[in-house]
Protein backbone atom coordinates (compact mmCIF):
# COMPACT_ATOMS: atom_id res chain seq x y z
CA MET A 1 -103.49 97.50 26.86
CA ASP A 2 -104.09 94.35 24.86
CA GLN A 3 -104.67 94.71 20.80
CA PHE A 4 -108.55 93.27 21.35
CA THR A 5 -109.29 96.18 23.72
CA ILE A 6 -107.45 98.87 21.63
CA ASN A 7 -108.99 97.42 18.37
CA LEU A 8 -112.61 97.74 20.01
CA ILE A 9 -111.86 101.37 21.15
CA PHE A 10 -111.45 102.05 17.19
CA VAL A 11 -114.09 100.39 15.99
CA VAL A 12 -116.32 101.41 18.46
CA GLY A 13 -115.42 105.30 18.96
CA THR A 14 -116.08 105.48 14.89
CA PHE A 15 -118.88 103.29 15.12
CA LEU A 16 -120.62 105.71 17.79
CA LEU A 17 -119.55 108.77 15.16
CA TYR A 18 -121.56 107.73 12.52
CA ILE A 19 -124.99 106.71 14.65
CA GLY A 20 -124.11 110.34 16.15
CA ILE A 21 -124.16 112.28 12.60
CA ALA A 22 -126.68 110.29 11.29
CA ILE A 23 -128.96 111.35 14.34
CA TRP A 24 -127.77 115.25 13.77
CA ALA A 25 -128.14 114.43 10.01
CA ARG A 26 -131.83 112.91 10.48
CA ALA A 27 -133.42 113.26 6.85
CA GLY A 28 -137.03 114.91 7.24
CA SER A 29 -138.39 115.16 3.65
CA THR A 30 -138.21 113.02 0.42
CA SER A 31 -135.67 115.27 -1.06
CA GLU A 32 -133.40 115.26 2.29
CA PHE A 33 -133.53 111.16 1.65
CA TYR A 34 -132.77 110.92 -1.96
CA ALA A 35 -130.39 114.05 -2.28
CA ALA A 36 -129.69 115.45 0.71
CA GLY A 37 -131.79 118.69 -0.27
CA ARG A 38 -129.59 119.04 -2.76
CA SER A 39 -127.35 121.43 -0.42
CA VAL A 40 -124.01 119.19 0.36
CA ASN A 41 -121.01 121.65 -0.84
CA PRO A 42 -118.77 119.90 -3.41
CA VAL A 43 -115.87 119.79 -1.39
CA VAL A 44 -118.05 117.42 1.08
CA ASN A 45 -119.87 116.22 -1.62
CA GLY A 46 -116.08 114.81 -3.16
CA ALA A 47 -114.75 113.21 -0.34
CA ALA A 48 -118.25 111.56 0.06
CA THR A 49 -118.04 110.21 -3.40
CA ALA A 50 -114.41 109.28 -2.58
CA ALA A 51 -115.29 106.71 0.68
CA ASP A 52 -118.92 105.80 -1.65
CA TRP A 53 -116.53 104.71 -4.18
CA MET A 54 -113.73 103.31 -2.08
CA SER A 55 -115.37 99.93 -1.22
CA ALA A 56 -114.16 97.03 0.20
CA ALA A 57 -113.03 96.19 -2.71
CA SER A 58 -110.51 99.13 -2.90
CA PHE A 59 -109.49 98.80 0.41
CA ILE A 60 -109.38 95.46 2.01
CA SER A 61 -109.20 93.42 -1.82
CA MET A 62 -107.42 95.70 -4.03
CA ALA A 63 -104.00 95.41 -2.93
CA GLY A 64 -104.27 91.56 -2.16
CA LEU A 65 -105.38 91.24 -5.45
CA ILE A 66 -101.84 93.49 -6.90
CA ALA A 67 -99.98 90.94 -4.53
CA PHE A 68 -100.63 88.20 -5.74
CA VAL A 69 -100.57 88.95 -9.71
CA GLY A 70 -98.33 92.52 -10.19
CA TYR A 71 -98.81 93.90 -12.73
CA GLY A 72 -101.84 91.96 -14.65
CA ASN A 73 -104.17 93.42 -12.00
CA SER A 74 -102.81 96.85 -12.12
CA THR A 75 -106.37 96.79 -14.63
CA TYR A 76 -108.29 97.41 -11.36
CA LEU A 77 -106.56 100.17 -10.73
CA MET A 78 -106.28 101.94 -15.06
CA GLY A 79 -110.30 100.16 -14.66
CA TRP A 80 -111.77 101.96 -11.46
CA THR A 81 -109.92 105.23 -11.99
CA GLY A 82 -110.77 105.27 -15.69
CA GLY A 83 -114.46 104.91 -15.32
CA TYR A 84 -114.47 107.75 -12.50
CA VAL A 85 -112.85 109.91 -15.36
CA LEU A 86 -115.58 108.80 -17.33
CA LEU A 87 -118.49 109.48 -15.58
CA ALA A 88 -117.21 113.09 -14.08
CA LEU A 89 -116.95 114.40 -17.82
CA LEU A 90 -119.67 112.79 -19.45
CA LEU A 91 -122.38 111.91 -16.74
CA ALA A 92 -122.61 113.64 -13.91
CA PRO A 93 -122.82 117.52 -15.16
CA TYR A 94 -125.37 116.50 -17.36
CA LEU A 95 -127.75 114.04 -15.19
CA ARG A 96 -127.75 116.63 -12.46
CA LYS A 97 -129.19 118.85 -14.82
CA PHE A 98 -131.95 116.81 -15.38
CA GLY A 99 -132.73 116.95 -11.87
CA ARG A 100 -134.07 113.66 -10.93
CA PHE A 101 -133.33 111.82 -7.54
CA THR A 102 -132.31 108.67 -9.09
CA VAL A 103 -131.04 106.72 -12.21
CA PRO A 104 -134.20 104.85 -12.68
CA ASP A 105 -136.01 108.18 -12.97
CA PHE A 106 -133.65 109.47 -15.53
CA ILE A 107 -133.89 106.78 -17.70
CA GLY A 108 -138.00 106.60 -17.44
CA ASP A 109 -138.52 110.30 -18.36
CA ARG A 110 -135.59 110.22 -20.63
CA PHE A 111 -137.13 107.45 -22.57
CA TYR A 112 -140.87 108.03 -22.19
CA SER A 113 -141.41 105.02 -21.09
CA ARG A 114 -142.33 103.11 -17.76
CA SER A 115 -141.56 100.13 -19.30
CA ALA A 116 -137.80 101.34 -19.81
CA ARG A 117 -138.14 102.73 -15.96
CA LEU A 118 -138.50 99.41 -14.93
CA VAL A 119 -135.64 97.09 -16.71
CA ALA A 120 -133.39 100.53 -15.27
CA VAL A 121 -134.67 99.28 -11.93
CA ALA A 122 -134.03 95.30 -12.41
CA SER A 123 -130.34 96.34 -14.25
CA LEU A 124 -130.16 98.30 -10.90
CA LEU A 125 -131.25 95.67 -8.24
CA ILE A 126 -129.20 92.64 -10.04
CA MET A 127 -125.98 94.94 -10.23
CA SER A 128 -126.41 96.30 -6.91
CA VAL A 129 -127.33 93.31 -5.41
CA THR A 130 -124.30 91.74 -6.54
CA TYR A 131 -122.23 94.57 -5.23
CA VAL A 132 -123.10 94.53 -2.26
CA ILE A 133 -121.89 91.31 -1.27
CA GLY A 134 -118.43 92.09 -1.50
CA GLN A 135 -118.91 94.90 1.29
CA MET A 136 -120.86 92.44 3.25
CA THR A 137 -117.80 89.98 2.70
CA GLY A 138 -115.64 92.72 3.25
CA ALA A 139 -117.00 93.47 6.85
CA GLY A 140 -117.13 89.99 7.65
CA VAL A 141 -113.32 89.35 6.79
CA ALA A 142 -112.48 92.64 9.19
CA PHE A 143 -114.70 91.78 11.67
CA SER A 144 -113.85 88.14 12.07
CA ARG A 145 -109.96 89.16 13.03
CA PHE A 146 -109.60 92.46 14.57
CA LEU A 147 -113.08 92.02 16.71
CA GLU A 148 -112.32 87.85 17.30
CA VAL A 149 -115.99 87.13 16.52
CA ASP A 150 -117.12 84.78 14.23
CA ALA A 151 -118.21 86.40 10.42
CA THR A 152 -121.67 86.06 11.59
CA THR A 153 -122.19 88.16 14.88
CA GLY A 154 -119.39 90.86 12.71
CA LEU A 155 -122.03 91.02 9.92
CA MET A 156 -125.08 91.22 12.22
CA ILE A 157 -122.85 94.05 13.90
CA ALA A 158 -122.18 95.97 10.67
CA SER A 159 -125.71 95.19 9.59
CA GLY A 160 -126.90 96.83 12.44
CA VAL A 161 -124.92 100.04 12.18
CA VAL A 162 -125.66 100.48 8.61
CA PHE A 163 -129.59 99.94 9.89
CA VAL A 164 -129.16 103.08 12.00
CA TYR A 165 -127.23 105.37 10.23
CA ALA A 166 -128.78 104.43 6.54
CA VAL A 167 -132.41 104.43 7.50
CA LEU A 168 -132.30 107.09 9.55
CA GLY A 169 -130.74 109.94 7.30
CA GLY A 170 -130.91 108.79 4.16
CA MET A 171 -128.67 110.59 1.74
CA LYS A 172 -128.40 113.29 3.83
CA GLY A 173 -127.17 111.49 6.86
CA ILE A 174 -125.09 109.18 4.38
CA THR A 175 -123.42 111.70 3.02
CA TYR A 176 -122.09 113.44 6.14
CA THR A 177 -121.26 109.77 7.86
CA GLN A 178 -119.06 109.00 4.10
CA LEU A 179 -117.19 111.83 4.93
CA ALA A 180 -116.34 110.84 8.43
CA GLN A 181 -115.87 107.25 6.60
CA TYR A 182 -113.21 108.77 4.09
CA VAL A 183 -110.73 110.33 6.76
CA VAL A 184 -111.24 107.17 8.85
CA LEU A 185 -110.29 105.24 5.79
CA ILE A 186 -107.25 107.16 4.51
CA ILE A 187 -106.02 107.84 7.39
CA ALA A 188 -106.30 104.06 8.14
CA TYR A 189 -104.24 102.88 4.67
CA THR A 190 -101.54 105.68 4.45
CA ILE A 191 -100.23 105.44 7.99
CA PRO A 192 -99.22 101.76 7.50
CA ALA A 193 -98.05 102.49 4.11
CA VAL A 194 -95.60 105.18 5.24
CA PHE A 195 -94.14 102.57 7.69
CA ILE A 196 -93.79 99.67 5.48
CA SER A 197 -91.94 102.25 2.85
CA LEU A 198 -89.72 103.77 5.55
CA GLN A 199 -88.27 100.30 6.73
CA LEU A 200 -88.06 98.73 3.34
CA THR A 201 -86.33 101.15 1.46
CA GLY A 202 -85.58 104.32 4.01
CA ASN A 203 -88.66 106.48 1.89
CA GLY A 204 -91.43 107.52 3.20
CA ILE A 205 -93.49 108.41 0.57
CA PRO A 206 -95.28 105.11 -0.72
CA GLN A 207 -95.85 106.52 -4.00
CA LEU A 208 -92.15 106.98 -4.40
CA GLY A 209 -90.71 103.69 -1.94
CA LEU A 210 -92.12 101.87 -4.80
CA PHE A 211 -89.80 102.63 -7.28
CA SER A 212 -86.75 103.13 -4.76
CA THR A 213 -83.96 100.46 -3.81
CA HIS A 214 -84.52 98.23 -1.46
CA THR A 215 -82.10 99.11 1.49
CA GLU A 216 -81.10 95.49 2.63
CA SER A 217 -79.95 94.17 -0.77
CA GLY A 218 -79.55 97.52 -2.40
CA LEU A 219 -81.45 96.74 -5.23
CA PRO A 220 -84.36 98.31 -6.89
CA LEU A 221 -87.47 97.31 -4.27
CA LEU A 222 -89.21 96.12 -7.74
CA ALA A 223 -86.23 94.25 -9.12
CA LYS A 224 -85.65 92.49 -5.40
CA LEU A 225 -89.29 91.23 -5.52
CA ASP A 226 -88.59 90.10 -9.08
CA GLN A 227 -86.05 87.97 -7.82
CA VAL A 228 -87.46 86.32 -5.13
CA LEU A 229 -90.60 85.45 -6.76
CA LEU A 230 -88.31 83.86 -9.59
CA GLU A 231 -86.42 81.86 -7.01
CA LEU A 232 -89.48 80.45 -5.43
CA GLY A 233 -90.68 79.25 -9.19
CA PHE A 234 -93.42 82.78 -9.50
CA GLN A 235 -93.86 84.52 -12.17
CA ASP A 236 -92.19 87.87 -12.32
CA TYR A 237 -94.05 90.68 -10.79
CA THR A 238 -93.70 93.27 -13.50
CA GLY A 239 -94.53 91.00 -16.51
CA HIS A 240 -97.72 90.81 -18.07
CA HIS A 241 -98.30 86.88 -18.37
CA GLY A 242 -102.35 86.99 -19.04
CA SER A 243 -104.06 87.67 -22.33
CA THR A 244 -103.96 91.31 -23.73
CA LEU A 245 -107.61 90.97 -25.08
CA ASN A 246 -108.93 89.90 -21.69
CA MET A 247 -106.74 92.86 -20.47
CA VAL A 248 -107.80 95.33 -22.83
CA LEU A 249 -111.79 94.10 -22.03
CA PHE A 250 -111.60 94.09 -18.26
CA THR A 251 -110.30 97.46 -18.22
CA MET A 252 -112.96 98.75 -20.24
CA SER A 253 -115.75 96.95 -18.50
CA LEU A 254 -114.49 98.18 -15.46
CA MET A 255 -114.44 101.65 -16.96
CA ILE A 256 -117.70 101.84 -18.32
CA GLY A 257 -119.19 99.84 -15.10
CA THR A 258 -117.86 102.63 -13.25
CA ALA A 259 -119.44 105.56 -15.25
CA GLY A 260 -122.88 103.74 -15.20
CA LEU A 261 -122.73 102.54 -10.97
CA PRO A 262 -126.02 103.96 -9.45
CA HIS A 263 -124.59 104.69 -6.19
CA VAL A 264 -122.02 106.58 -7.24
CA ILE A 265 -124.47 109.00 -9.94
CA ILE A 266 -127.04 109.52 -7.03
CA ARG A 267 -124.08 111.49 -5.11
CA PHE A 268 -124.18 114.24 -7.97
CA PHE A 269 -127.23 114.68 -7.36
CA THR A 270 -126.99 116.26 -4.02
CA VAL A 271 -125.20 119.60 -4.47
CA PRO A 272 -126.80 122.82 -5.43
CA LYS A 273 -125.20 123.78 -8.72
CA VAL A 274 -124.56 121.71 -12.17
CA SER A 275 -121.22 123.65 -11.72
CA ASP A 276 -120.47 121.90 -8.75
CA ALA A 277 -121.17 118.71 -10.23
CA ARG A 278 -117.88 119.20 -12.01
CA LYS A 279 -116.30 120.48 -8.84
CA SER A 280 -117.70 117.64 -6.88
CA ALA A 281 -115.58 115.18 -9.20
CA GLY A 282 -113.03 117.37 -9.08
CA TRP A 283 -112.39 116.58 -5.95
CA ALA A 284 -113.24 113.07 -5.51
CA LEU A 285 -110.58 112.48 -8.12
CA VAL A 286 -108.25 114.14 -5.82
CA PHE A 287 -109.18 112.38 -2.74
CA ILE A 288 -109.50 108.84 -4.43
CA ALA A 289 -106.13 109.15 -5.97
CA LEU A 290 -104.34 109.47 -2.17
CA LEU A 291 -105.46 105.70 -1.56
CA TYR A 292 -105.48 104.32 -5.33
CA THR A 293 -101.79 105.72 -5.97
CA VAL A 294 -100.54 104.09 -2.43
CA ALA A 295 -102.03 100.70 -3.42
CA PRO A 296 -99.59 99.03 -5.81
CA ALA A 297 -96.86 100.05 -3.45
CA VAL A 298 -98.69 98.59 -0.41
CA GLY A 299 -99.37 94.95 -2.48
CA ALA A 300 -95.36 94.69 -3.45
CA MET A 301 -94.47 95.42 -0.27
CA ALA A 302 -96.71 93.13 1.39
CA ARG A 303 -95.75 90.05 -0.98
CA LEU A 304 -92.08 90.86 -0.50
CA ASN A 305 -92.52 91.09 2.83
CA ILE A 306 -94.62 87.81 3.13
CA ILE A 307 -91.70 85.75 1.75
CA THR A 308 -88.69 87.41 3.50
CA THR A 309 -90.74 86.38 7.29
CA ILE A 310 -90.91 82.86 5.71
CA TYR A 311 -86.72 82.88 4.53
CA PRO A 312 -85.58 85.75 6.77
CA GLN A 313 -82.19 84.09 5.62
CA GLY A 314 -83.00 83.83 1.50
CA THR A 315 -85.38 81.66 -0.43
CA GLU A 316 -82.05 79.16 -1.02
CA ASN A 317 -81.38 78.83 3.16
CA ALA A 318 -83.79 77.56 5.87
CA SER A 319 -87.26 78.41 6.14
CA ILE A 320 -88.99 79.59 9.71
CA THR A 321 -90.39 76.49 11.46
CA TYR A 322 -93.56 76.47 12.50
CA ASP A 323 -93.37 77.23 16.26
CA GLU A 324 -91.20 80.14 15.01
CA ARG A 325 -94.05 81.86 12.87
CA PRO A 326 -94.55 85.54 13.73
CA ASP A 327 -97.64 86.47 15.15
CA TRP A 328 -99.70 87.95 12.65
CA MET A 329 -99.53 84.48 11.38
CA HIS A 330 -101.13 83.01 14.38
CA ASN A 331 -103.43 85.72 14.60
CA TRP A 332 -104.94 84.78 11.32
CA GLU A 333 -104.70 80.99 11.28
CA GLN A 334 -107.29 81.51 14.17
CA THR A 335 -110.02 82.83 11.29
CA GLY A 336 -109.53 80.13 8.89
CA LEU A 337 -108.57 82.58 6.26
CA LEU A 338 -104.67 81.74 6.81
CA LYS A 339 -103.75 77.78 7.07
CA PHE A 340 -100.35 75.41 7.08
CA GLU A 341 -99.88 71.78 6.80
CA ASP A 342 -96.71 70.41 7.20
CA LEU A 343 -96.80 68.58 4.10
CA ASN A 344 -92.95 66.80 4.87
CA GLY A 345 -93.12 66.62 8.12
CA ASP A 346 -89.67 68.68 8.60
CA GLY A 347 -91.31 71.42 10.87
CA ARG A 348 -90.78 73.80 8.83
CA ILE A 349 -92.96 76.08 6.27
CA GLN A 350 -92.21 76.13 2.62
CA TYR A 351 -93.77 78.70 0.69
CA TYR A 352 -93.38 78.10 -3.10
CA ASN A 353 -94.94 77.17 -6.56
CA GLY A 354 -95.55 73.75 -6.71
CA ALA A 355 -96.99 74.23 -9.79
CA ASN A 356 -93.81 75.49 -11.89
CA GLU A 357 -92.72 71.96 -13.25
CA GLU A 358 -89.24 73.42 -13.32
CA PHE A 359 -88.84 74.59 -10.03
CA ALA A 360 -90.66 71.33 -8.88
CA ALA A 361 -86.96 69.43 -9.22
CA VAL A 362 -85.26 71.92 -7.40
CA ALA A 363 -88.24 71.76 -4.61
CA GLU A 364 -87.86 68.11 -4.41
CA SER A 365 -83.82 68.02 -4.40
CA ARG A 366 -84.61 70.26 -0.95
CA GLY A 367 -86.46 67.91 0.42
CA TRP A 368 -89.93 69.89 0.02
CA ALA A 369 -93.74 68.41 -0.55
CA GLY A 370 -95.61 70.88 -1.82
CA ASN A 371 -96.48 74.55 -1.19
CA GLU A 372 -97.51 74.46 2.69
CA MET A 373 -99.02 77.65 3.11
CA VAL A 374 -102.32 75.99 1.92
CA THR A 375 -104.69 78.66 2.65
CA PHE A 376 -104.27 82.68 2.24
CA ASN A 377 -107.20 84.94 1.64
CA GLN A 378 -106.03 87.93 -0.58
CA ASP A 379 -108.15 89.78 1.36
CA ILE A 380 -106.43 89.59 4.05
CA LEU A 381 -103.61 90.99 3.06
CA VAL A 382 -104.04 95.08 4.16
CA LEU A 383 -105.96 94.28 7.09
CA ALA A 384 -102.31 91.96 8.03
CA ASN A 385 -100.03 94.41 7.10
CA PRO A 386 -99.25 96.09 10.03
CA GLU A 387 -99.23 93.31 11.97
CA ILE A 388 -96.70 91.95 9.25
CA ALA A 389 -94.77 95.16 9.29
CA GLN A 390 -94.51 95.09 13.47
CA LEU A 391 -95.85 97.89 13.65
CA PRO A 392 -97.67 99.80 16.72
CA GLY A 393 -100.81 97.92 18.05
CA TRP A 394 -103.03 101.14 17.22
CA VAL A 395 -101.88 101.20 13.72
CA VAL A 396 -103.33 97.53 13.63
CA GLY A 397 -106.66 99.14 15.62
CA LEU A 398 -106.61 102.33 13.13
CA ILE A 399 -107.01 99.52 10.34
CA ALA A 400 -109.56 97.37 11.32
CA ALA A 401 -111.91 100.59 11.68
CA GLY A 402 -110.42 101.79 8.52
CA GLY A 403 -111.29 98.44 6.41
CA LEU A 404 -115.13 98.56 8.45
CA ALA A 405 -115.59 101.99 7.33
CA ALA A 406 -114.82 101.04 3.53
CA ALA A 407 -116.90 98.20 3.73
CA LEU A 408 -119.89 100.35 5.39
CA SER A 409 -119.34 103.41 3.72
CA THR A 410 -119.96 102.03 0.06
CA ALA A 411 -122.92 99.25 1.79
CA ALA A 412 -124.51 102.64 2.43
CA GLY A 413 -124.54 104.22 -1.02
CA LEU A 414 -125.53 100.74 -2.78
CA LEU A 415 -128.52 100.50 0.01
CA LEU A 416 -129.68 103.72 -0.87
CA ALA A 417 -129.37 103.15 -4.55
CA ILE A 418 -131.44 100.18 -4.08
CA SER A 419 -134.20 101.45 -1.97
CA SER A 420 -134.75 104.60 -3.94
CA ALA A 421 -134.84 102.56 -6.32
CA ILE A 422 -137.94 100.38 -4.72
CA SER A 423 -139.96 103.35 -3.26
CA HIS A 424 -139.36 106.19 -5.76
CA ASP A 425 -139.06 104.04 -9.31
CA LEU A 426 -141.41 101.56 -8.27
CA ILE A 427 -144.09 102.83 -5.48
CA LYS A 428 -144.30 106.46 -6.30
CA SER A 429 -143.50 106.89 -10.01
CA THR A 430 -145.23 103.59 -11.30
CA PHE A 431 -147.80 102.05 -8.56
CA LYS A 432 -148.75 104.24 -6.41
CA PRO A 433 -148.46 107.71 -8.01
CA ASN A 434 -150.60 109.33 -5.20
CA ILE A 435 -148.68 108.30 -2.49
CA SER A 436 -148.17 111.21 0.50
CA GLU A 437 -144.66 112.30 1.03
CA LYS A 438 -144.77 110.79 4.13
CA GLY A 439 -146.11 108.17 2.94
CA GLU A 440 -142.82 107.63 0.32
CA LEU A 441 -140.76 108.72 2.94
CA LEU A 442 -141.39 105.49 5.09
CA ALA A 443 -141.67 103.25 1.80
CA ALA A 444 -137.87 104.64 1.75
CA ARG A 445 -136.96 103.25 4.98
CA ILE A 446 -138.89 100.52 4.50
CA SER A 447 -137.34 99.28 1.60
CA MET A 448 -133.74 100.33 3.23
CA ALA A 449 -134.86 98.34 6.08
CA VAL A 450 -135.43 95.40 4.05
CA ALA A 451 -132.57 95.53 1.85
CA ILE A 452 -130.31 95.52 4.87
CA MET A 453 -131.88 92.49 5.63
CA VAL A 454 -131.45 90.98 2.26
CA ALA A 455 -127.72 91.85 2.19
CA THR A 456 -127.12 90.55 5.06
CA TRP A 457 -128.49 87.20 4.24
CA LEU A 458 -126.08 87.29 1.45
CA GLY A 459 -122.74 88.49 3.35
CA LEU A 460 -123.23 85.11 5.13
CA ASN A 461 -123.00 82.91 2.32
CA PRO A 462 -120.63 85.17 0.24
CA PRO A 463 -119.99 84.09 -3.85
CA GLY A 464 -116.41 84.83 -3.77
CA PHE A 465 -114.02 87.07 -2.32
CA ALA A 466 -114.77 90.59 -2.26
CA ALA A 467 -113.35 92.14 -5.63
CA GLN A 468 -113.68 89.22 -7.59
CA THR A 469 -117.60 89.40 -6.88
CA VAL A 470 -117.18 93.71 -7.27
CA ALA A 471 -115.69 92.87 -10.76
CA LEU A 472 -119.13 90.64 -11.69
CA ALA A 473 -121.17 93.56 -11.08
CA PHE A 474 -119.02 96.25 -12.67
CA GLY A 475 -119.44 93.93 -15.83
CA LEU A 476 -123.46 94.18 -15.11
CA ALA A 477 -123.52 97.92 -15.09
CA ALA A 478 -121.48 98.16 -17.88
CA SER A 479 -123.68 96.25 -19.99
CA SER A 480 -127.38 97.92 -18.66
CA LEU A 481 -127.15 100.83 -17.90
CA PHE A 482 -124.09 102.99 -18.95
CA PRO A 483 -125.27 102.20 -22.62
CA ALA A 484 -128.64 103.23 -21.53
CA ILE A 485 -127.36 106.66 -19.96
CA MET A 486 -124.90 107.69 -22.81
CA MET A 487 -127.52 107.15 -25.53
CA GLY A 488 -129.74 109.15 -22.87
CA ILE A 489 -127.55 112.50 -22.80
CA PHE A 490 -126.14 112.29 -26.43
CA TYR A 491 -128.11 111.11 -28.93
CA LYS A 492 -131.57 112.28 -28.84
CA ARG A 493 -132.68 110.30 -31.61
CA MET A 494 -132.49 107.11 -29.41
CA ASN A 495 -136.12 106.13 -28.51
CA SER A 496 -137.57 104.21 -25.88
CA THR A 497 -137.81 101.11 -27.74
CA GLY A 498 -134.36 100.94 -28.68
CA ALA A 499 -133.04 101.70 -25.17
CA ILE A 500 -135.24 98.78 -23.57
CA VAL A 501 -134.25 96.09 -26.12
CA GLY A 502 -130.91 96.99 -25.77
CA MET A 503 -130.88 96.78 -21.85
CA LEU A 504 -132.46 93.49 -22.16
CA VAL A 505 -129.66 92.22 -25.00
CA GLY A 506 -126.84 93.89 -22.80
CA LEU A 507 -128.08 92.68 -18.96
CA LEU A 508 -129.30 89.03 -20.63
CA SER A 509 -125.99 88.46 -22.60
CA THR A 510 -123.63 89.11 -19.70
CA CYS A 511 -125.79 86.93 -16.93
CA LEU A 512 -126.24 84.16 -19.38
CA TYR A 513 -121.87 83.88 -20.01
CA ILE A 514 -121.65 84.71 -16.24
CA PHE A 515 -123.40 81.77 -15.06
CA THR A 516 -122.24 79.85 -17.92
CA TYR A 517 -119.23 79.69 -16.91
CA LEU A 518 -119.25 81.20 -13.39
CA GLY A 519 -122.47 79.24 -12.76
CA TRP A 520 -120.39 77.72 -9.35
CA PHE A 521 -119.98 81.17 -8.26
CA PHE A 522 -123.60 81.96 -7.40
CA ILE A 523 -125.46 78.24 -7.19
CA PRO A 524 -123.32 74.94 -7.78
CA GLU A 525 -125.99 73.53 -9.52
CA THR A 526 -125.79 75.94 -12.60
CA ASN A 527 -121.91 75.32 -13.77
CA MET A 528 -122.71 74.27 -17.15
CA LEU A 529 -118.81 74.15 -18.78
CA PRO A 530 -115.78 74.36 -17.25
CA ASN A 531 -114.87 78.08 -16.29
CA THR A 532 -111.34 77.75 -18.24
CA PRO A 533 -110.45 79.71 -21.13
CA ASP A 534 -110.05 76.54 -23.46
CA ASN A 535 -113.90 77.01 -23.11
CA TRP A 536 -114.99 80.54 -23.09
CA LEU A 537 -115.93 82.25 -25.92
CA PHE A 538 -113.28 83.67 -27.85
CA GLY A 539 -111.40 83.34 -24.98
CA ILE A 540 -113.13 86.03 -23.42
CA SER A 541 -113.02 85.78 -19.37
CA PRO A 542 -116.64 86.27 -17.82
CA LEU A 543 -114.97 89.02 -15.97
CA SER A 544 -114.25 90.36 -19.25
CA PHE A 545 -117.86 89.95 -20.93
CA GLY A 546 -119.26 93.89 -19.10
CA ALA A 547 -117.97 95.48 -22.65
CA VAL A 548 -119.30 93.23 -24.84
CA GLY A 549 -122.49 92.80 -23.73
CA ALA A 550 -121.97 97.01 -23.49
CA ALA A 551 -121.30 96.97 -27.30
CA LEU A 552 -124.10 94.77 -27.72
CA ASN A 553 -126.47 97.12 -25.67
CA PHE A 554 -125.42 99.56 -28.53
CA ILE A 555 -125.91 97.79 -31.55
CA ALA A 556 -129.51 96.27 -30.33
CA ALA A 557 -130.65 99.49 -29.35
CA TYR A 558 -129.56 101.47 -32.41
CA VAL A 559 -130.96 98.88 -34.98
CA THR A 560 -134.55 98.29 -32.92
CA MET A 561 -134.30 101.97 -33.22
CA LEU A 562 -134.00 102.32 -37.04
CA PHE A 563 -137.20 100.09 -36.92
CA THR A 564 -139.48 101.82 -34.38
CA LYS A 565 -141.30 104.98 -33.98
CA PRO A 566 -138.60 108.04 -33.56
CA THR A 567 -138.49 109.67 -30.34
CA PRO A 568 -141.18 112.66 -29.98
CA GLU A 569 -139.87 116.30 -30.38
CA ARG A 570 -140.39 117.38 -26.68
CA ILE A 571 -138.22 114.59 -25.58
CA GLN A 572 -135.74 115.75 -28.20
CA GLU A 573 -135.81 119.06 -27.66
CA LEU A 574 -135.27 118.20 -23.68
CA VAL A 575 -131.77 115.95 -24.91
CA GLU A 576 -131.31 119.63 -26.48
CA SER A 577 -131.93 121.22 -23.18
CA ILE A 578 -129.94 118.88 -21.15
CA ARG A 579 -126.77 118.99 -23.04
CA VAL A 580 -126.44 122.72 -24.50
CA PRO A 581 -125.63 125.41 -22.34
CA ARG A 582 -128.30 128.27 -21.87
CA GLY A 583 -127.09 130.93 -24.28
CA ALA A 584 -125.08 128.40 -26.99
CA GLY A 585 -127.39 130.01 -29.62
CA ALA A 586 -126.86 133.32 -29.07
CA ALA A 587 -123.45 132.63 -28.87
CA THR A 588 -123.33 130.76 -32.48
CA GLY A 589 -125.61 132.28 -34.28
CA HIS A 590 -128.08 129.35 -33.93
CA HIS A 591 -131.15 128.90 -32.49
């Protein structure tokens, strides 16, 4: 059986599973569409939350980012994981106790303001649409290789599958589909890592293999990787070479952005009780850790494999010829995501850091004219891993299904957040409060369909590779929604005017900063200043500005609150009832 047939069996088989689940779990009411009837088991919800959380960025891009930068990009792991702890401990139980369907629903009621609800909806839509681009881009990358179709066709197929199970099932269908997707993606991610770890270190546990001895050289794996990278003029893998300020700000931006993600927050509205929200969070952290602790091993081992593939006899010896390049390189060249150019006409592949002035003299003495791997899309690393390590065809098919599961699970969650904001927060709560439940359910499904069409169009015109796009979305969530939610729960004096001004200041300042320096990332004509550290304000990267935007949000909200009408007494009592467990007054002697 050829590889294409194997891939087709795995991908089509999982798609049929998702659609079958959606038909079985079809939403029959708005409660089921928005919150799965608040009847999801905490363990099931934990797995579904993990799948919702581990997007194409986590599955497809994160290991690639770590592989080609090393320690510096561990910020993605630290920020995303730490942010989930923040969400689980500080926000999820209280939001579940409040008992609403959406994040704008909470903000609108807590800040007793239609305007606050609308600003929250705008923030949610900007952030979610930006985020969903990464998922569609990831789906396109996976389809273009494994089903041997162009990215446009692949995106259309992915959109069609999401359309069926998201529009039909709503949160109820998405929850059980995400449970299946988690099982698919964690198996797909772990099995290749186990094989590769065994090949390189003899240790079948990738998390331990990363710190084990490289079998062939007798050196620790990371020491061997540092050695070959330095020999080719690259920076060492385990060193920190960037700005410490940006590393801290970027980690903070990812953390608080994570805690402000509407599509993850709404998962905690699906369980029966507040205590179940806490249990869900605990299980989700366990399920997330299974993948996140493997990612650094996957990145390091794949980077070493790529180099040793090109230089099988060592970096000081001859590289492979173009005719000798392995099948995985042939396969990925067809997609345009990997490309070589014979710059010196010797018929061999040279891979090194041509920008390193010290190594340039060494390269020139060897007759090298430049790095001949002229294109290597970092998003292909995890998907190509089984082929790089020459694993069986069924593993390649499994990774194809896993990559698509990761992209589609998060895309579905984001699209549900978008459609819920439109149907529930705009139509039901703002413009047409008397709409019937049947009418609202229809509006939710139409909103979902329109959101899928918009996401598909954006996927066809992606603004960058998946994880970087997602990082921008986290900055927007960090600067707009997270501070409002935090103040809404923990600061009963925060009033509606303060919350509105804070959200606007945070959102607009972050958007302005991102568009000023990363204008090319969205619309080429908007690039006003070169995107270089010398031009950044105080050296702060656009990808790290979310933490600054959040600080501006908090400050603007507090200052505005001091000069405007105080929060009504009934709202302050409402906040107290959310935050303080029933019976606490009797236990402490206060009432």
